[in-house]
Each structure stands twice: as C-alpha cells, then as structure tokens.
PDB file of N, CA and C in Angstrom:
ATOM      1  N   MET A   1     -55.785  62.900  55.035  1.00  0.00           N
ATOM      2  CA  MET A   1     -55.100  62.437  56.221  1.00  0.00           C
ATOM      3  C   MET A   1     -56.080  62.106  57.339  1.00  0.00           C
ATOM      4  N   MET A   2     -57.358  62.406  57.115  1.00  0.00           N
ATOM      5  CA  MET A   2     -58.376  62.118  58.128  1.00  0.00           C
ATOM      6  C   MET A   2     -58.693  60.626  58.126  1.00  0.00           C
ATOM      7  N   PRO A   3     -58.924  60.064  59.302  1.00  0.00           N
ATOM      8  CA  PRO A   3     -59.284  58.643  59.361  1.00  0.00           C
ATOM      9  C   PRO A   3     -60.678  58.386  58.819  1.00  0.00           C
ATOM     10  N   ASP A   4     -60.879  57.157  58.318  1.00  0.00           N
ATOM     11  CA  ASP A   4     -62.201  56.765  57.836  1.00  0.00           C
ATOM     12  C   ASP A   4     -63.057  56.298  59.004  1.00  0.00           C
ATOM     13  N   ALA A   5     -64.188  55.702  58.726  1.00  0.00           N
ATOM     14  CA  ALA A   5     -65.119  55.267  59.770  1.00  0.00           C
ATOM     15  C   ALA A   5     -64.506  54.212  60.694  1.00  0.00           C
ATOM     16  N   ASP A   6     -63.521  53.460  60.201  1.00  0.00           N
ATOM     17  CA  ASP A   6     -62.857  52.439  61.017  1.00  0.00           C
ATOM     18  C   ASP A   6     -61.618  52.975  61.720  1.00  0.00           C
ATOM     19  N   GLY A   7     -61.335  54.257  61.555  1.00  0.00           N
ATOM     20  CA  GLY A   7     -60.164  54.855  62.181  1.00  0.00           C
ATOM     21  C   GLY A   7     -58.882  54.679  61.384  1.00  0.00           C
ATOM     22  N   ASN A   8     -59.003  54.180  60.154  1.00  0.00           N
ATOM     23  CA  ASN A   8     -57.824  53.951  59.321  1.00  0.00           C
ATOM     24  C   ASN A   8     -57.438  55.219  58.568  1.00  0.00           C
ATOM     25  N   THR A   9     -56.167  55.577  58.642  1.00  0.00           N
ATOM     26  CA  THR A   9     -55.646  56.684  57.853  1.00  0.00           C
ATOM     27  C   THR A   9     -55.090  56.105  56.555  1.00  0.00           C
ATOM     28  N   PHE A  10     -54.574  56.969  55.681  1.00  0.00           N
ATOM     29  CA  PHE A  10     -53.994  56.461  54.437  1.00  0.00           C
ATOM     30  C   PHE A  10     -52.777  55.577  54.729  1.00  0.00           C
ATOM     31  N   LEU A  11     -52.113  55.795  55.869  1.00  0.00           N
ATOM     32  CA  LEU A  11     -50.979  54.936  56.231  1.00  0.00           C
ATOM     33  C   LEU A  11     -51.445  53.518  56.555  1.00  0.00           C
ATOM     34  N   HIS A  12     -52.588  53.386  57.218  1.00  0.00           N
ATOM     35  CA  HIS A  12     -53.159  52.058  57.493  1.00  0.00           C
ATOM     36  C   HIS A  12     -53.490  51.344  56.177  1.00  0.00           C
ATOM     37  N   ILE A  13     -54.152  52.073  55.287  1.00  0.00           N
ATOM     38  CA  ILE A  13     -54.586  51.474  54.022  1.00  0.00           C
ATOM     39  C   ILE A  13     -53.391  51.038  53.187  1.00  0.00           C
ATOM     40  N   MET A  14     -52.367  51.863  53.139  1.00  0.00           N
ATOM     41  CA  MET A  14     -51.171  51.499  52.375  1.00  0.00           C
ATOM     42  C   MET A  14     -50.439  50.327  53.030  1.00  0.00           C
ATOM     43  N   ALA A  15     -50.475  50.242  54.353  1.00  0.00           N
ATOM     44  CA  ALA A  15     -49.815  49.134  55.050  1.00  0.00           C
ATOM     45  C   ALA A  15     -50.518  47.807  54.759  1.00  0.00           C
ATOM     46  N   LEU A  16     -51.806  47.866  54.449  1.00  0.00           N
ATOM     47  CA  LEU A  16     -52.555  46.644  54.150  1.00  0.00           C
ATOM     48  C   LEU A  16     -52.356  46.174  52.714  1.00  0.00           C
ATOM     49  N   GLY A  17     -52.014  47.085  51.821  1.00  0.00           N
ATOM     50  CA  GLY A  17     -51.886  46.739  50.407  1.00  0.00           C
ATOM     51  C   GLY A  17     -50.447  46.552  49.983  1.00  0.00           C
ATOM     52  N   VAL A  18     -50.259  46.500  48.683  1.00  0.00           N
ATOM     53  CA  VAL A  18     -48.931  46.383  48.094  1.00  0.00           C
ATOM     54  C   VAL A  18     -48.351  47.785  47.974  1.00  0.00           C
ATOM     55  N   ILE A  19     -47.122  47.959  48.413  1.00  0.00           N
ATOM     56  CA  ILE A  19     -46.479  49.267  48.353  1.00  0.00           C
ATOM     57  C   ILE A  19     -45.458  49.261  47.231  1.00  0.00           C
ATOM     58  N   LYS A  20     -45.647  50.162  46.271  1.00  0.00           N
ATOM     59  CA  LYS A  20     -44.722  50.290  45.144  1.00  0.00           C
ATOM     60  C   LYS A  20     -43.720  51.390  45.445  1.00  0.00           C
ATOM     61  N   ASP A  21     -42.747  51.551  44.577  1.00  0.00           N
ATOM     62  CA  ASP A  21     -41.683  52.525  44.811  1.00  0.00           C
ATOM     63  C   ASP A  21     -42.206  53.950  44.948  1.00  0.00           C
ATOM     64  N   THR A  22     -43.147  54.353  44.119  1.00  0.00           N
ATOM     65  CA  THR A  22     -43.676  55.720  44.195  1.00  0.00           C
ATOM     66  C   THR A  22     -44.481  55.922  45.478  1.00  0.00           C
ATOM     67  N   GLU A  23     -45.189  54.883  45.919  1.00  0.00           N
ATOM     68  CA  GLU A  23     -45.948  54.968  47.162  1.00  0.00           C
ATOM     69  C   GLU A  23     -45.003  55.025  48.366  1.00  0.00           C
ATOM     70  N   TYR A  24     -43.914  54.301  48.286  1.00  0.00           N
ATOM     71  CA  TYR A  24     -42.898  54.334  49.340  1.00  0.00           C
ATOM     72  C   TYR A  24     -42.373  55.759  49.501  1.00  0.00           C
ATOM     73  N   ASP A  25     -42.019  56.387  48.383  1.00  0.00           N
ATOM     74  CA  ASP A  25     -41.524  57.763  48.416  1.00  0.00           C
ATOM     75  C   ASP A  25     -42.589  58.713  48.960  1.00  0.00           C
ATOM     76  N   PHE A  26     -43.840  58.515  48.538  1.00  0.00           N
ATOM     77  CA  PHE A  26     -44.946  59.359  48.999  1.00  0.00           C
ATOM     78  C   PHE A  26     -45.124  59.246  50.507  1.00  0.00           C
ATOM     79  N   ILE A  27     -45.118  58.036  51.035  1.00  0.00           N
ATOM     80  CA  ILE A  27     -45.285  57.825  52.475  1.00  0.00           C
ATOM     81  C   ILE A  27     -44.175  58.536  53.242  1.00  0.00           C
ATOM     82  N   LYS A  28     -42.930  58.333  52.830  1.00  0.00           N
ATOM     83  CA  LYS A  28     -41.808  58.977  53.516  1.00  0.00           C
ATOM     84  C   LYS A  28     -41.922  60.492  53.474  1.00  0.00           C
ATOM     85  N   GLN A  29     -42.247  61.031  52.310  1.00  0.00           N
ATOM     86  CA  GLN A  29     -42.354  62.484  52.180  1.00  0.00           C
ATOM     87  C   GLN A  29     -43.463  63.048  53.064  1.00  0.00           C
ATOM     88  N   MET A  30     -44.605  62.394  53.094  1.00  0.00           N
ATOM     89  CA  MET A  30     -45.721  62.886  53.896  1.00  0.00           C
ATOM     90  C   MET A  30     -45.414  62.813  55.394  1.00  0.00           C
ATOM     91  N   VAL A  31     -44.806  61.728  55.815  1.00  0.00           N
ATOM     92  CA  VAL A  31     -44.470  61.572  57.232  1.00  0.00           C
ATOM     93  C   VAL A  31     -43.467  62.635  57.658  1.00  0.00           C
ATOM     94  N   ILE A  32     -42.442  62.844  56.847  1.00  0.00           N
ATOM     95  CA  ILE A  32     -41.401  63.803  57.200  1.00  0.00           C
ATOM     96  C   ILE A  32     -41.895  65.242  57.039  1.00  0.00           C
ATOM     97  N   ARG A  33     -42.493  65.551  55.908  1.00  0.00           N
ATOM     98  CA  ARG A  33     -42.912  66.929  55.617  1.00  0.00           C
ATOM     99  C   ARG A  33     -43.982  67.428  56.574  1.00  0.00           C
ATOM    100  N   HIS A  34     -44.968  66.585  56.875  1.00  0.00           N
ATOM    101  CA  HIS A  34     -46.088  67.013  57.703  1.00  0.00           C
ATOM    102  C   HIS A  34     -45.987  66.548  59.152  1.00  0.00           C
ATOM    103  N   GLY A  35     -44.900  65.871  59.499  1.00  0.00           N
ATOM    104  CA  GLY A  35     -44.728  65.416  60.876  1.00  0.00           C
ATOM    105  C   GLY A  35     -45.815  64.456  61.318  1.00  0.00           C
ATOM    106  N   LEU A  36     -46.258  63.589  60.394  1.00  0.00           N
ATOM    107  CA  LEU A  36     -47.337  62.649  60.720  1.00  0.00           C
ATOM    108  C   LEU A  36     -46.891  61.670  61.795  1.00  0.00           C
ATOM    109  N   ARG A  37     -47.869  61.244  62.560  1.00  0.00           N
ATOM    110  CA  ARG A  37     -47.632  60.239  63.590  1.00  0.00           C
ATOM    111  C   ARG A  37     -48.474  59.010  63.273  1.00  0.00           C
ATOM    112  N   LEU A  38     -48.074  57.892  63.820  1.00  0.00           N
ATOM    113  CA  LEU A  38     -48.832  56.652  63.642  1.00  0.00           C
ATOM    114  C   LEU A  38     -49.935  56.616  64.692  1.00  0.00           C
ATOM    115  N   THR A  39     -51.168  56.560  64.230  1.00  0.00           N
ATOM    116  CA  THR A  39     -52.313  56.550  65.129  1.00  0.00           C
ATOM    117  C   THR A  39     -52.949  55.159  65.138  1.00  0.00           C
ATOM    118  N   CYS A  40     -53.731  54.910  66.163  1.00  0.00           N
ATOM    119  CA  CYS A  40     -54.439  53.635  66.282  1.00  0.00           C
ATOM    120  C   CYS A  40     -55.796  53.735  65.597  1.00  0.00           C
ATOM    121  N   ASN A  41     -56.178  52.639  64.920  1.00  0.00           N
ATOM    122  CA  ASN A  41     -57.529  52.577  64.363  1.00  0.00           C
ATOM    123  C   ASN A  41     -58.466  52.045  65.440  1.00  0.00           C
ATOM    124  N   LYS A  42     -59.707  51.771  65.102  1.00  0.00           N
ATOM    125  CA  LYS A  42     -60.676  51.310  66.098  1.00  0.00           C
ATOM    126  C   LYS A  42     -60.320  49.940  66.686  1.00  0.00           C
ATOM    127  N   GLU A  43     -59.498  49.191  65.978  1.00  0.00           N
ATOM    128  CA  GLU A  43     -59.047  47.893  66.487  1.00  0.00           C
ATOM    129  C   GLU A  43     -57.815  48.044  67.371  1.00  0.00           C
ATOM    130  N   GLY A  44     -57.324  49.267  67.526  1.00  0.00           N
ATOM    131  CA  GLY A  44     -56.149  49.529  68.353  1.00  0.00           C
ATOM    132  C   GLY A  44     -54.834  49.229  67.655  1.00  0.00           C
ATOM    133  N   LYS A  45     -54.856  49.181  66.327  1.00  0.00           N
ATOM    134  CA  LYS A  45     -53.650  48.861  65.563  1.00  0.00           C
ATOM    135  C   LYS A  45     -53.143  50.097  64.824  1.00  0.00           C
ATOM    136  N   THR A  46     -51.825  50.243  64.837  1.00  0.00           N
ATOM    137  CA  THR A  46     -51.189  51.310  64.075  1.00  0.00           C
ATOM    138  C   THR A  46     -50.727  50.726  62.738  1.00  0.00           C
ATOM    139  N   PRO A  47     -50.353  51.564  61.771  1.00  0.00           N
ATOM    140  CA  PRO A  47     -49.796  51.031  60.520  1.00  0.00           C
ATOM    141  C   PRO A  47     -48.550  50.173  60.770  1.00  0.00           C
ATOM    142  N   LEU A  48     -47.778  50.527  61.787  1.00  0.00           N
ATOM    143  CA  LEU A  48     -46.598  49.727  62.126  1.00  0.00           C
ATOM    144  C   LEU A  48     -47.010  48.336  62.588  1.00  0.00           C
ATOM    145  N   ASP A  49     -48.061  48.245  63.385  1.00  0.00           N
ATOM    146  CA  ASP A  49     -48.574  46.938  63.816  1.00  0.00           C
ATOM    147  C   ASP A  49     -49.009  46.102  62.619  1.00  0.00           C
ATOM    148  N   LEU A  50     -49.705  46.734  61.686  1.00  0.00           N
ATOM    149  CA  LEU A  50     -50.170  46.018  60.498  1.00  0.00           C
ATOM    150  C   LEU A  50     -48.995  45.503  59.667  1.00  0.00           C
ATOM    151  N   LEU A  51     -47.971  46.325  59.525  1.00  0.00           N
ATOM    152  CA  LEU A  51     -46.791  45.898  58.774  1.00  0.00           C
ATOM    153  C   LEU A  51     -46.065  44.764  59.477  1.00  0.00           C
ATOM    154  N   ARG A  52     -45.954  44.852  60.787  1.00  0.00           N
ATOM    155  CA  ARG A  52     -45.283  43.783  61.544  1.00  0.00           C
ATOM    156  C   ARG A  52     -46.051  42.470  61.445  1.00  0.00           C
ATOM    157  N   ASN A  53     -47.386  42.537  61.474  1.00  0.00           N
ATOM    158  CA  ASN A  53     -48.206  41.324  61.370  1.00  0.00           C
ATOM    159  C   ASN A  53     -48.097  40.680  60.005  1.00  0.00           C
ATOM    160  N   ASN A  54     -47.921  41.482  58.966  1.00  0.00           N
ATOM    161  CA  ASN A  54     -47.849  40.964  57.601  1.00  0.00           C
ATOM    162  C   ASN A  54     -46.427  40.718  57.134  1.00  0.00           C
ATOM    163  N   GLU A  55     -45.442  40.918  58.015  1.00  0.00           N
ATOM    164  CA  GLU A  55     -44.050  40.771  57.596  1.00  0.00           C
ATOM    165  C   GLU A  55     -43.737  39.345  57.136  1.00  0.00           C
ATOM    166  N   GLY A  56     -44.379  38.359  57.757  1.00  0.00           N
ATOM    167  CA  GLY A  56     -44.123  36.978  57.371  1.00  0.00           C
ATOM    168  C   GLY A  56     -44.665  36.623  56.007  1.00  0.00           C
ATOM    169  N   ALA A  57     -45.679  37.343  55.544  1.00  0.00           N
ATOM    170  CA  ALA A  57     -46.274  37.073  54.235  1.00  0.00           C
ATOM    171  C   ALA A  57     -45.427  37.733  53.148  1.00  0.00           C
ATOM    172  N   GLN A  58     -44.844  36.946  52.303  1.00  0.00           N
ATOM    173  CA  GLN A  58     -44.014  37.472  51.221  1.00  0.00           C
ATOM    174  C   GLN A  58     -44.890  37.952  50.080  1.00  0.00           C
ATOM    175  N   ILE A  59     -44.526  39.071  49.526  1.00  0.00           N
ATOM    176  CA  ILE A  59     -45.274  39.638  48.416  1.00  0.00           C
ATOM    177  C   ILE A  59     -44.456  39.449  47.154  1.00  0.00           C
ATOM    178  N   ALA A  60     -45.038  38.829  46.165  1.00  0.00           N
ATOM    179  CA  ALA A  60     -44.347  38.615  44.900  1.00  0.00           C
ATOM    180  C   ALA A  60     -44.685  39.752  43.944  1.00  0.00           C
ATOM    181  N   LEU A  61     -43.718  40.582  43.654  1.00  0.00           N
ATOM    182  CA  LEU A  61     -43.911  41.684  42.733  1.00  0.00           C
ATOM    183  C   LEU A  61     -42.894  41.558  41.612  1.00  0.00           C
ATOM    184  N   ARG A  62     -43.330  41.631  40.395  1.00  0.00           N
ATOM    185  CA  ARG A  62     -42.403  41.549  39.264  1.00  0.00           C
ATOM    186  C   ARG A  62     -41.653  42.861  39.118  1.00  0.00           C
ATOM    187  N   GLY A  63     -40.349  42.788  39.245  1.00  0.00           N
ATOM    188  CA  GLY A  63     -39.513  43.956  39.050  1.00  0.00           C
ATOM    189  C   GLY A  63     -39.580  44.981  40.169  1.00  0.00           C
ATOM    190  N   GLN A  64     -40.318  44.711  41.230  1.00  0.00           N
ATOM    191  CA  GLN A  64     -40.410  45.649  42.351  1.00  0.00           C
ATOM    192  C   GLN A  64     -39.789  45.016  43.589  1.00  0.00           C
ATOM    193  N   PRO A  65     -38.868  45.712  44.232  1.00  0.00           N
ATOM    194  CA  PRO A  65     -38.376  45.200  45.521  1.00  0.00           C
ATOM    195  C   PRO A  65     -39.494  45.271  46.565  1.00  0.00           C
ATOM    196  N   ASN A  66     -39.258  44.691  47.695  1.00  0.00           N
ATOM    197  CA  ASN A  66     -40.284  44.662  48.719  1.00  0.00           C
ATOM    198  C   ASN A  66     -40.284  45.986  49.487  1.00  0.00           C
ATOM    199  N   PHE A  67     -41.056  46.945  49.005  1.00  0.00           N
ATOM    200  CA  PHE A  67     -41.112  48.254  49.638  1.00  0.00           C
ATOM    201  C   PHE A  67     -41.904  48.216  50.937  1.00  0.00           C
ATOM    202  N   LYS A  68     -42.700  47.183  51.142  1.00  0.00           N
ATOM    203  CA  LYS A  68     -43.420  47.039  52.404  1.00  0.00           C
ATOM    204  C   LYS A  68     -42.414  46.832  53.541  1.00  0.00           C
ATOM    205  N   ARG A  69     -41.413  46.036  53.295  1.00  0.00           N
ATOM    206  CA  ARG A  69     -40.368  45.811  54.293  1.00  0.00           C
ATOM    207  C   ARG A  69     -39.573  47.097  54.519  1.00  0.00           C
ATOM    208  N   ARG A  70     -39.342  47.855  53.453  1.00  0.00           N
ATOM    209  CA  ARG A  70     -38.601  49.113  53.594  1.00  0.00           C
ATOM    210  C   ARG A  70     -39.383  50.145  54.395  1.00  0.00           C
ATOM    211  N   ILE A  71     -40.681  50.210  54.193  1.00  0.00           N
ATOM    212  CA  ILE A  71     -41.471  51.180  54.949  1.00  0.00           C
ATOM    213  C   ILE A  71     -41.542  50.750  56.413  1.00  0.00           C
ATOM    214  N   LEU A  72     -41.561  49.449  56.672  1.00  0.00           N
ATOM    215  CA  LEU A  72     -41.500  48.942  58.038  1.00  0.00           C
ATOM    216  C   LEU A  72     -40.201  49.399  58.696  1.00  0.00           C
ATOM    217  N   GLN A  73     -39.096  49.267  57.992  1.00  0.00           N
ATOM    218  CA  GLN A  73     -37.803  49.708  58.521  1.00  0.00           C
ATOM    219  C   GLN A  73     -37.778  51.221  58.728  1.00  0.00           C
ATOM    220  N   PHE A  74     -38.380  51.966  57.799  1.00  0.00           N
ATOM    221  CA  PHE A  74     -38.448  53.426  57.941  1.00  0.00           C
ATOM    222  C   PHE A  74     -39.235  53.806  59.192  1.00  0.00           C
ATOM    223  N   PHE A  75     -40.399  53.169  59.402  1.00  0.00           N
ATOM    224  CA  PHE A  75     -41.212  53.459  60.587  1.00  0.00           C
ATOM    225  C   PHE A  75     -40.449  53.129  61.862  1.00  0.00           C
ATOM    226  N   GLU A  76     -39.776  51.986  61.894  1.00  0.00           N
ATOM    227  CA  GLU A  76     -39.040  51.589  63.096  1.00  0.00           C
ATOM    228  C   GLU A  76     -37.873  52.538  63.371  1.00  0.00           C
ATOM    229  N   THR A  77     -37.183  52.965  62.322  1.00  0.00           N
ATOM    230  CA  THR A  77     -36.091  53.924  62.487  1.00  0.00           C
ATOM    231  C   THR A  77     -36.624  55.254  62.990  1.00  0.00           C
ATOM    232  N   ARG A  78     -37.717  55.691  62.391  1.00  0.00           N
ATOM    233  CA  ARG A  78     -38.341  56.958  62.795  1.00  0.00           C
ATOM    234  C   ARG A  78     -38.785  56.901  64.254  1.00  0.00           C
ATOM    235  N   LEU A  79     -39.273  55.760  64.689  1.00  0.00           N
ATOM    236  CA  LEU A  79     -39.719  55.584  66.069  1.00  0.00           C
ATOM    237  C   LEU A  79     -38.548  55.683  67.037  1.00  0.00           C
ATOM    238  N   THR A  80     -37.395  55.122  66.680  1.00  0.00           N
ATOM    239  CA  THR A  80     -36.234  55.222  67.566  1.00  0.00           C
ATOM    240  C   THR A  80     -35.712  56.653  67.625  1.00  0.00           C
ATOM    241  N   GLU A  81     -35.806  57.387  66.506  1.00  0.00           N
ATOM    242  CA  GLU A  81     -35.347  58.772  66.480  1.00  0.00           C
ATOM    243  C   GLU A  81     -36.345  59.723  67.137  1.00  0.00           C
ATOM    244  N   HIS A  82     -37.628  59.434  66.999  1.00  0.00           N
ATOM    245  CA  HIS A  82     -38.698  60.279  67.532  1.00  0.00           C
ATOM    246  C   HIS A  82     -39.675  59.391  68.312  1.00  0.00           C
ATOM    247  N   PRO A  83     -39.463  59.218  69.621  1.00  0.00           N
ATOM    248  CA  PRO A  83     -40.341  58.321  70.400  1.00  0.00           C
ATOM    249  C   PRO A  83     -41.813  58.691  70.372  1.00  0.00           C
ATOM    250  N   ASN A  84     -42.145  59.950  70.090  1.00  0.00           N
ATOM    251  CA  ASN A  84     -43.559  60.340  70.019  1.00  0.00           C
ATOM    252  C   ASN A  84     -44.139  60.150  68.624  1.00  0.00           C
ATOM    253  N   PHE A  85     -43.425  59.436  67.752  1.00  0.00           N
ATOM    254  CA  PHE A  85     -43.902  59.151  66.392  1.00  0.00           C
ATOM    255  C   PHE A  85     -45.157  58.295  66.412  1.00  0.00           C
ATOM    256  N   ILE A  86     -45.339  57.526  67.458  1.00  0.00           N
ATOM    257  CA  ILE A  86     -46.501  56.643  67.568  1.00  0.00           C
ATOM    258  C   ILE A  86     -47.368  57.116  68.726  1.00  0.00           C
ATOM    259  N   ASP A  87     -48.673  57.149  68.511  1.00  0.00           N
ATOM    260  CA  ASP A  87     -49.589  57.561  69.567  1.00  0.00           C
ATOM    261  C   ASP A  87     -49.601  56.533  70.688  1.00  0.00           C
ATOM    262  N   SER A  88     -49.755  57.017  71.876  1.00  0.00           N
ATOM    263  CA  SER A  88     -49.865  56.143  73.026  1.00  0.00           C
ATOM    264  C   SER A  88     -51.239  55.473  73.014  1.00  0.00           C
ATOM    265  N   THR A  89     -51.293  54.233  73.434  1.00  0.00           N
ATOM    266  CA  THR A  89     -52.583  53.548  73.516  1.00  0.00           C
ATOM    267  C   THR A  89     -53.304  53.902  74.813  1.00  0.00           C
ATOM    268  N   GLN A  90     -52.580  54.568  75.716  1.00  0.00           N
ATOM    269  CA  GLN A  90     -53.178  54.976  76.984  1.00  0.00           C
ATOM    270  C   GLN A  90     -53.801  56.359  76.829  1.00  0.00           C
ATOM    271  N   LYS A  91     -55.017  56.505  77.302  1.00  0.00           N
ATOM    272  CA  LYS A  91     -55.720  57.785  77.187  1.00  0.00           C
ATOM    273  C   LYS A  91     -55.122  58.795  78.157  1.00  0.00           C
ATOM    274  N   PRO A  92     -55.041  60.056  77.723  1.00  0.00           N
ATOM    275  CA  PRO A  92     -54.590  61.097  78.651  1.00  0.00           C
ATOM    276  C   PRO A  92     -55.580  61.241  79.797  1.00  0.00           C
ATOM    277  N   VAL A  93     -55.103  61.735  80.928  1.00  0.00           N
ATOM    278  CA  VAL A  93     -55.942  61.890  82.116  1.00  0.00           C
ATOM    279  C   VAL A  93     -57.123  62.811  81.819  1.00  0.00           C
ATOM    280  N   THR A  94     -56.885  63.859  81.037  1.00  0.00           N
ATOM    281  CA  THR A  94     -57.967  64.793  80.720  1.00  0.00           C
ATOM    282  C   THR A  94     -59.069  64.106  79.903  1.00  0.00           C
ATOM    283  N   HIS A  95     -58.675  63.235  78.977  1.00  0.00           N
ATOM    284  CA  HIS A  95     -59.656  62.521  78.155  1.00  0.00           C
ATOM    285  C   HIS A  95     -60.488  61.567  79.011  1.00  0.00           C
ATOM    286  N   ALA A  96     -59.821  60.864  79.926  1.00  0.00           N
ATOM    287  CA  ALA A  96     -60.532  59.939  80.805  1.00  0.00           C
ATOM    288  C   ALA A  96     -61.522  60.703  81.689  1.00  0.00           C
ATOM    289  N   ALA A  97     -61.126  61.884  82.175  1.00  0.00           N
ATOM    290  CA  ALA A  97     -62.021  62.682  83.021  1.00  0.00           C
ATOM    291  C   ALA A  97     -63.239  63.151  82.229  1.00  0.00           C
ATOM    292  N   ILE A  98     -63.041  63.556  80.992  1.00  0.00           N
ATOM    293  CA  ILE A  98     -64.158  64.010  80.159  1.00  0.00           C
ATOM    294  C   ILE A  98     -65.111  62.858  79.872  1.00  0.00           C
ATOM    295  N   GLU A  99     -64.557  61.685  79.526  1.00  0.00           N
ATOM    296  CA  GLU A  99     -65.419  60.522  79.251  1.00  0.00           C
ATOM    297  C   GLU A  99     -66.239  60.134  80.468  1.00  0.00           C
ATOM    298  N   ALA A 100     -65.634  60.277  81.656  1.00  0.00           N
ATOM    299  CA  ALA A 100     -66.345  59.918  82.885  1.00  0.00           C
ATOM    300  C   ALA A 100     -67.327  61.016  83.309  1.00  0.00           C
ATOM    301  N   GLY A 101     -67.249  62.173  82.660  1.00  0.00           N
ATOM    302  CA  GLY A 101     -68.130  63.274  83.022  1.00  0.00           C
ATOM    303  C   GLY A 101     -67.702  63.972  84.296  1.00  0.00           C
ATOM    304  N   ASP A 102     -66.442  63.808  84.682  1.00  0.00           N
ATOM    305  CA  ASP A 102     -65.916  64.393  85.916  1.00  0.00           C
ATOM    306  C   ASP A 102     -65.262  65.740  85.604  1.00  0.00           C
ATOM    307  N   ILE A 103     -66.084  66.775  85.621  1.00  0.00           N
ATOM    308  CA  ILE A 103     -65.603  68.118  85.284  1.00  0.00           C
ATOM    309  C   ILE A 103     -64.598  68.614  86.315  1.00  0.00           C
ATOM    310  N   ALA A 104     -64.804  68.269  87.572  1.00  0.00           N
ATOM    311  CA  ALA A 104     -63.883  68.718  88.622  1.00  0.00           C
ATOM    312  C   ALA A 104     -62.477  68.140  88.390  1.00  0.00           C
ATOM    313  N   ALA A 105     -62.399  66.878  88.011  1.00  0.00           N
ATOM    314  CA  ALA A 105     -61.096  66.259  87.734  1.00  0.00           C
ATOM    315  C   ALA A 105     -60.456  66.893  86.505  1.00  0.00           C
ATOM    316  N   PHE A 106     -61.270  67.205  85.506  1.00  0.00           N
ATOM    317  CA  PHE A 106     -60.756  67.859  84.298  1.00  0.00           C
ATOM    318  C   PHE A 106     -60.186  69.238  84.632  1.00  0.00           C
ATOM    319  N   LYS A 107     -60.914  70.019  85.427  1.00  0.00           N
ATOM    320  CA  LYS A 107     -60.435  71.343  85.827  1.00  0.00           C
ATOM    321  C   LYS A 107     -59.166  71.236  86.657  1.00  0.00           C
ATOM    322  N   ALA A 108     -59.087  70.222  87.512  1.00  0.00           N
ATOM    323  CA  ALA A 108     -57.883  70.022  88.320  1.00  0.00           C
ATOM    324  C   ALA A 108     -56.675  69.726  87.431  1.00  0.00           C
ATOM    325  N   CYS A 109     -56.883  68.961  86.363  1.00  0.00           N
ATOM    326  CA  CYS A 109     -55.789  68.672  85.416  1.00  0.00           C
ATOM    327  C   CYS A 109     -55.332  69.952  84.732  1.00  0.00           C
ATOM    328  N   LEU A 110     -56.287  70.785  84.332  1.00  0.00           N
ATOM    329  CA  LEU A 110     -55.933  72.055  83.691  1.00  0.00           C
ATOM    330  C   LEU A 110     -55.178  72.971  84.627  1.00  0.00           C
ATOM    331  N   ASP A 111     -55.643  73.039  85.893  1.00  0.00           N
ATOM    332  CA  ASP A 111     -54.966  73.887  86.867  1.00  0.00           C
ATOM    333  C   ASP A 111     -53.543  73.385  87.140  1.00  0.00           C
ATOM    334  N   ALA A 112     -53.380  72.068  87.212  1.00  0.00           N
ATOM    335  CA  ALA A 112     -52.074  71.492  87.494  1.00  0.00           C
ATOM    336  C   ALA A 112     -51.087  71.716  86.348  1.00  0.00           C
ATOM    337  N   ALA A 113     -51.586  71.678  85.114  1.00  0.00           N
ATOM    338  CA  ALA A 113     -50.719  71.817  83.948  1.00  0.00           C
ATOM    339  C   ALA A 113     -50.552  73.266  83.507  1.00  0.00           C
ATOM    340  N   GLY A 114     -51.414  74.126  83.938  1.00  0.00           N
ATOM    341  CA  GLY A 114     -51.389  75.514  83.467  1.00  0.00           C
ATOM    342  C   GLY A 114     -52.368  75.664  82.323  1.00  0.00           C
ATOM    343  N   LYS A 115     -53.333  76.515  82.466  1.00  0.00           N
ATOM    344  CA  LYS A 115     -54.419  76.653  81.502  1.00  0.00           C
ATOM    345  C   LYS A 115     -53.956  77.026  80.106  1.00  0.00           C
ATOM    346  N   ASP A 116     -52.851  77.756  79.997  1.00  0.00           N
ATOM    347  CA  ASP A 116     -52.410  78.193  78.677  1.00  0.00           C
ATOM    348  C   ASP A 116     -51.824  77.060  77.845  1.00  0.00           C
ATOM    349  N   LYS A 117     -51.607  75.891  78.422  1.00  0.00           N
ATOM    350  CA  LYS A 117     -51.066  74.762  77.667  1.00  0.00           C
ATOM    351  C   LYS A 117     -52.157  73.993  76.938  1.00  0.00           C
ATOM    352  N   TYR A 118     -53.408  74.238  77.228  1.00  0.00           N
ATOM    353  CA  TYR A 118     -54.493  73.490  76.604  1.00  0.00           C
ATOM    354  C   TYR A 118     -55.289  74.372  75.735  1.00  0.00           C
TER     355      TYR A 118
END
C-alpha cells in the first residue's frame, strides 16, 4: 500500500491498466476493509483523476465487462458517502509551517488545536 518513487499506490497502477473482475473485487475489498483513501501522486493526480481521464478510452476485453467504469462509479459513490475518501490537495497549516521552517507557527498550531490531537 506504500507509494512508489512517483507517489503511485496500487490504486494508481490499477487505474492505469486493465481491471478484471477479480481485481475489481480486490480493490473494493481493500478500500472498504482497510479504509483506504485516494492520495495524490507526484503529478497531483488521484486514482479517481486517472480513471476520469481515461473514461473516454474504451477498453475491448473479450468476455469481460468494463470493470474500469465500475471502479470509477465505486470511487465516486464512496466519495459522496465519505467526503474524506480523497486527500485534499491543499497542505495542512502545520505542514506548510514545517516546510517554511517556522517553528513558532507550528507550535501555535499545536497550541490552538490541543497538543494531544497531534
């Protein structure tokens, strides 16, 4: 489930390839069982973005329905049911403070939120 050097998780890789029935079931089970979320790769794309971009390209599979379209529908349904299913593209304030090297701003964020939450 760890991303590769390009930030792609197994969901990104499966969204780029052909999805068969067993892979469709695997994706759904992993997302539901482990509470996986859609993350952005280094290009800022989530698996949902990749599926939406490739939706116009028809995949010809002998004897296989288009499971890529079904996984797209599953992701979209999951997103409406769980709005935090997809990572925000906006960095949290604490992350921005750390990147800027502003320790005082980071401490202020912790104090404002309560230290036990982090």
